[in-house]
């Protein structure tokens, strides 16, 4: 599988507060971004895979909602995570 436990710990360690802090908005946004990148690559070679396309759209929506939440709560944290991940509004 493309998303192993070690990879998740690496993502949460880099973007979250700690390896075990899976609930932070930054960690979840980074994890969603990793999954979105993977599904985007899959969709490039499998254009007719509608279930994956739906899952991709739902993930993008979840990430957008988390980013909106973070923007309202703490604009500085929002700007940092946007810059680190290279997400554009």
N, C-alpha and C. Protein backbone atom coordinates (compact mmCIF):
# COMPACT_ATOMS: atom_id res chain seq x y z
N UNK A 1 0.84 -1.18 0.00
CA UNK A 1 0.00 0.00 0.00
C UNK A 1 0.88 1.25 0.00
N UNK A 2 0.42 2.30 -0.57
CA UNK A 2 1.21 3.51 -0.73
C UNK A 2 1.35 4.31 0.56
N UNK A 3 0.45 4.13 1.51
CA UNK A 3 0.46 4.91 2.74
C UNK A 3 0.69 3.97 3.93
N UNK A 4 1.95 3.82 4.30
CA UNK A 4 2.29 2.94 5.40
C UNK A 4 2.26 3.71 6.72
N UNK A 5 2.35 2.98 7.81
CA UNK A 5 2.36 3.60 9.13
C UNK A 5 3.57 4.51 9.29
N UNK A 6 4.71 4.08 8.75
CA UNK A 6 5.92 4.89 8.84
C UNK A 6 5.76 6.20 8.09
N UNK A 7 5.12 6.15 6.94
CA UNK A 7 4.90 7.37 6.15
C UNK A 7 3.97 8.33 6.88
N UNK A 8 2.92 7.79 7.51
CA UNK A 8 2.01 8.63 8.28
C UNK A 8 2.73 9.29 9.44
N UNK A 9 3.56 8.51 10.15
CA UNK A 9 4.32 9.07 11.27
C UNK A 9 5.27 10.15 10.80
N UNK A 10 5.86 9.95 9.64
CA UNK A 10 6.76 10.96 9.07
C UNK A 10 6.00 12.25 8.76
N UNK A 11 4.82 12.13 8.17
CA UNK A 11 4.01 13.30 7.83
C UNK A 11 3.57 14.03 9.09
N UNK A 12 3.06 13.29 10.08
CA UNK A 12 2.61 13.92 11.32
C UNK A 12 3.78 14.50 12.11
N UNK A 13 4.94 13.87 12.03
CA UNK A 13 6.11 14.39 12.71
C UNK A 13 6.60 15.69 12.09
N UNK A 14 6.50 15.78 10.77
CA UNK A 14 6.99 16.97 10.08
C UNK A 14 6.02 18.15 10.19
N UNK A 15 4.73 17.90 10.01
CA UNK A 15 3.75 18.98 9.95
C UNK A 15 2.94 19.13 11.23
N UNK A 16 2.77 18.06 11.99
CA UNK A 16 2.01 18.14 13.23
C UNK A 16 2.90 18.54 14.39
N UNK A 17 2.34 18.45 15.58
CA UNK A 17 3.11 18.80 16.77
C UNK A 17 4.02 17.66 17.19
N UNK A 18 3.58 16.42 16.98
CA UNK A 18 4.40 15.25 17.29
C UNK A 18 3.93 14.09 16.41
N UNK A 19 4.63 12.97 16.53
CA UNK A 19 4.28 11.79 15.72
C UNK A 19 2.90 11.26 16.08
N UNK A 20 2.55 11.34 17.36
CA UNK A 20 1.27 10.78 17.81
C UNK A 20 0.12 11.77 17.74
N UNK A 21 0.39 13.02 17.38
CA UNK A 21 -0.66 14.04 17.31
C UNK A 21 -1.32 13.99 15.94
N UNK A 22 -2.26 13.06 15.79
CA UNK A 22 -2.91 12.88 14.50
C UNK A 22 -4.13 13.78 14.34
N UNK A 23 -4.49 14.52 15.37
CA UNK A 23 -5.69 15.34 15.32
C UNK A 23 -5.45 16.78 14.95
N UNK A 24 -4.21 17.21 14.87
CA UNK A 24 -3.95 18.61 14.56
C UNK A 24 -4.36 18.91 13.12
N UNK A 25 -4.83 20.11 12.91
CA UNK A 25 -5.31 20.49 11.57
C UNK A 25 -4.17 20.44 10.56
N UNK A 26 -2.98 20.87 10.96
CA UNK A 26 -1.84 20.87 10.03
C UNK A 26 -1.48 19.45 9.60
N UNK A 27 -1.47 18.52 10.55
CA UNK A 27 -1.16 17.14 10.23
C UNK A 27 -2.18 16.52 9.30
N UNK A 28 -3.45 16.79 9.56
CA UNK A 28 -4.50 16.24 8.70
C UNK A 28 -4.44 16.84 7.31
N UNK A 29 -4.19 18.13 7.21
CA UNK A 29 -4.08 18.79 5.90
C UNK A 29 -2.92 18.20 5.11
N UNK A 30 -1.79 17.96 5.79
CA UNK A 30 -0.63 17.38 5.11
C UNK A 30 -0.92 15.96 4.65
N UNK A 31 -1.62 15.18 5.47
CA UNK A 31 -1.97 13.82 5.09
C UNK A 31 -2.93 13.82 3.91
N UNK A 32 -3.93 14.69 3.95
CA UNK A 32 -4.86 14.79 2.82
C UNK A 32 -4.12 15.21 1.55
N UNK A 33 -3.17 16.11 1.66
CA UNK A 33 -2.41 16.56 0.49
C UNK A 33 -1.61 15.40 -0.11
N UNK A 34 -1.02 14.58 0.75
CA UNK A 34 -0.27 13.42 0.27
C UNK A 34 -1.20 12.46 -0.48
N UNK A 35 -2.37 12.20 0.11
CA UNK A 35 -3.33 11.30 -0.53
C UNK A 35 -3.87 11.89 -1.84
N UNK A 36 -4.10 13.20 -1.87
CA UNK A 36 -4.59 13.86 -3.08
C UNK A 36 -3.55 13.74 -4.20
N UNK A 37 -2.28 13.94 -3.87
CA UNK A 37 -1.22 13.80 -4.88
C UNK A 37 -1.20 12.38 -5.45
N UNK A 38 -1.35 11.39 -4.57
CA UNK A 38 -1.34 10.00 -5.03
C UNK A 38 -2.53 9.71 -5.94
N UNK A 39 -3.72 10.16 -5.55
CA UNK A 39 -4.91 9.91 -6.37
C UNK A 39 -4.87 10.68 -7.68
N UNK A 40 -4.25 11.85 -7.68
CA UNK A 40 -4.11 12.62 -8.91
C UNK A 40 -3.26 11.87 -9.92
N UNK A 41 -2.16 11.28 -9.44
CA UNK A 41 -1.31 10.48 -10.33
C UNK A 41 -2.07 9.27 -10.87
N UNK A 42 -2.87 8.64 -10.03
CA UNK A 42 -3.67 7.49 -10.46
C UNK A 42 -4.67 7.91 -11.54
N UNK A 43 -5.28 9.08 -11.36
CA UNK A 43 -6.29 9.54 -12.31
C UNK A 43 -5.68 9.91 -13.66
N UNK A 44 -4.41 10.29 -13.68
CA UNK A 44 -3.76 10.61 -14.95
C UNK A 44 -3.68 9.39 -15.86
N UNK A 45 -3.49 8.22 -15.27
CA UNK A 45 -3.38 7.02 -16.10
C UNK A 45 -4.69 6.24 -16.19
N UNK A 46 -5.65 6.51 -15.32
CA UNK A 46 -6.94 5.81 -15.31
C UNK A 46 -8.07 6.82 -15.35
N UNK A 47 -8.28 7.41 -16.49
CA UNK A 47 -9.23 8.51 -16.61
C UNK A 47 -10.68 8.10 -16.37
N UNK A 48 -11.02 6.85 -16.59
CA UNK A 48 -12.42 6.43 -16.47
C UNK A 48 -12.75 5.84 -15.11
N UNK A 49 -11.86 5.96 -14.17
CA UNK A 49 -12.08 5.44 -12.82
C UNK A 49 -12.90 6.44 -12.02
N UNK A 50 -14.21 6.31 -12.10
CA UNK A 50 -15.10 7.31 -11.51
C UNK A 50 -15.14 7.24 -9.98
N UNK A 51 -14.97 6.07 -9.41
CA UNK A 51 -14.98 5.98 -7.95
C UNK A 51 -13.76 6.69 -7.35
N UNK A 52 -12.62 6.57 -7.99
CA UNK A 52 -11.43 7.28 -7.52
C UNK A 52 -11.59 8.78 -7.73
N UNK A 53 -12.23 9.16 -8.81
CA UNK A 53 -12.46 10.58 -9.07
C UNK A 53 -13.36 11.18 -7.98
N UNK A 54 -14.37 10.44 -7.59
CA UNK A 54 -15.26 10.91 -6.53
C UNK A 54 -14.52 11.02 -5.20
N UNK A 55 -13.71 10.02 -4.90
CA UNK A 55 -12.92 10.05 -3.66
C UNK A 55 -11.96 11.24 -3.66
N UNK A 56 -11.38 11.54 -4.80
CA UNK A 56 -10.46 12.67 -4.92
C UNK A 56 -11.18 13.99 -4.67
N UNK A 57 -12.35 14.15 -5.25
CA UNK A 57 -13.13 15.37 -5.06
C UNK A 57 -13.53 15.52 -3.59
N UNK A 58 -13.90 14.42 -2.95
CA UNK A 58 -14.28 14.47 -1.54
C UNK A 58 -13.09 14.84 -0.66
N UNK A 59 -11.91 14.32 -0.98
CA UNK A 59 -10.71 14.64 -0.20
C UNK A 59 -10.34 16.11 -0.34
N UNK A 60 -10.46 16.63 -1.56
CA UNK A 60 -10.15 18.04 -1.78
C UNK A 60 -11.12 18.91 -0.96
N UNK A 61 -12.38 18.50 -0.90
CA UNK A 61 -13.36 19.23 -0.11
C UNK A 61 -13.06 19.20 1.38
N UNK A 62 -12.64 18.03 1.87
CA UNK A 62 -12.28 17.91 3.28
C UNK A 62 -11.09 18.81 3.61
N UNK A 63 -10.09 18.78 2.73
CA UNK A 63 -8.91 19.62 2.96
C UNK A 63 -9.28 21.09 2.92
N UNK A 64 -10.15 21.48 2.00
CA UNK A 64 -10.57 22.88 1.91
C UNK A 64 -11.29 23.32 3.18
N UNK A 65 -12.17 22.46 3.71
CA UNK A 65 -12.88 22.80 4.94
C UNK A 65 -11.91 22.94 6.11
N UNK A 66 -10.93 22.06 6.20
CA UNK A 66 -9.93 22.18 7.27
C UNK A 66 -9.11 23.45 7.12
N UNK A 67 -8.77 23.79 5.89
CA UNK A 67 -8.02 25.03 5.66
C UNK A 67 -8.85 26.25 6.03
N UNK A 68 -10.13 26.23 5.71
CA UNK A 68 -11.01 27.34 6.08
C UNK A 68 -11.12 27.47 7.60
N UNK A 69 -11.21 26.32 8.28
CA UNK A 69 -11.27 26.33 9.74
C UNK A 69 -9.99 26.93 10.32
N UNK A 70 -8.86 26.49 9.81
CA UNK A 70 -7.57 26.99 10.30
C UNK A 70 -7.40 28.47 10.01
N UNK A 71 -7.91 28.91 8.88
CA UNK A 71 -7.81 30.32 8.51
C UNK A 71 -8.59 31.19 9.49
N UNK A 72 -9.75 30.71 9.92
CA UNK A 72 -10.55 31.48 10.87
C UNK A 72 -9.96 31.45 12.27
N UNK A 73 -9.38 30.32 12.68
CA UNK A 73 -8.87 30.17 14.03
C UNK A 73 -7.51 30.86 14.22
N UNK A 74 -6.58 30.62 13.29
CA UNK A 74 -5.22 31.15 13.44
C UNK A 74 -4.62 31.37 12.06
N UNK A 75 -4.63 32.61 11.60
CA UNK A 75 -4.18 32.93 10.25
C UNK A 75 -2.69 32.66 10.06
N UNK A 76 -1.90 32.78 11.12
CA UNK A 76 -0.46 32.54 11.01
C UNK A 76 -0.17 31.07 10.72
N UNK A 77 -0.85 30.17 11.43
CA UNK A 77 -0.68 28.73 11.18
C UNK A 77 -1.16 28.38 9.78
N UNK A 78 -2.23 29.01 9.33
CA UNK A 78 -2.76 28.79 7.98
C UNK A 78 -1.72 29.17 6.92
N UNK A 79 -1.11 30.33 7.09
CA UNK A 79 -0.13 30.80 6.12
C UNK A 79 1.09 29.90 6.08
N UNK A 80 1.51 29.40 7.24
CA UNK A 80 2.68 28.52 7.30
C UNK A 80 2.40 27.22 6.57
N UNK A 81 1.26 26.59 6.82
CA UNK A 81 0.96 25.30 6.20
C UNK A 81 0.75 25.45 4.70
N UNK A 82 0.15 26.55 4.26
CA UNK A 82 -0.04 26.80 2.83
C UNK A 82 1.32 26.92 2.13
N UNK A 83 2.23 27.64 2.77
CA UNK A 83 3.55 27.85 2.19
C UNK A 83 4.35 26.55 2.16
N UNK A 84 4.31 25.77 3.24
CA UNK A 84 5.07 24.53 3.31
C UNK A 84 4.60 23.50 2.30
N UNK A 85 3.29 23.39 2.13
CA UNK A 85 2.74 22.38 1.23
C UNK A 85 2.63 22.87 -0.21
N UNK A 86 2.74 24.15 -0.42
CA UNK A 86 2.63 24.68 -1.78
C UNK A 86 1.21 24.66 -2.30
N UNK A 87 0.24 24.80 -1.42
CA UNK A 87 -1.16 24.81 -1.83
C UNK A 87 -1.53 26.23 -2.22
N UNK A 88 -2.26 26.37 -3.30
CA UNK A 88 -2.69 27.69 -3.70
C UNK A 88 -4.18 27.83 -3.47
N UNK A 89 -4.62 29.02 -3.16
CA UNK A 89 -6.03 29.28 -2.87
C UNK A 89 -6.82 29.26 -4.14
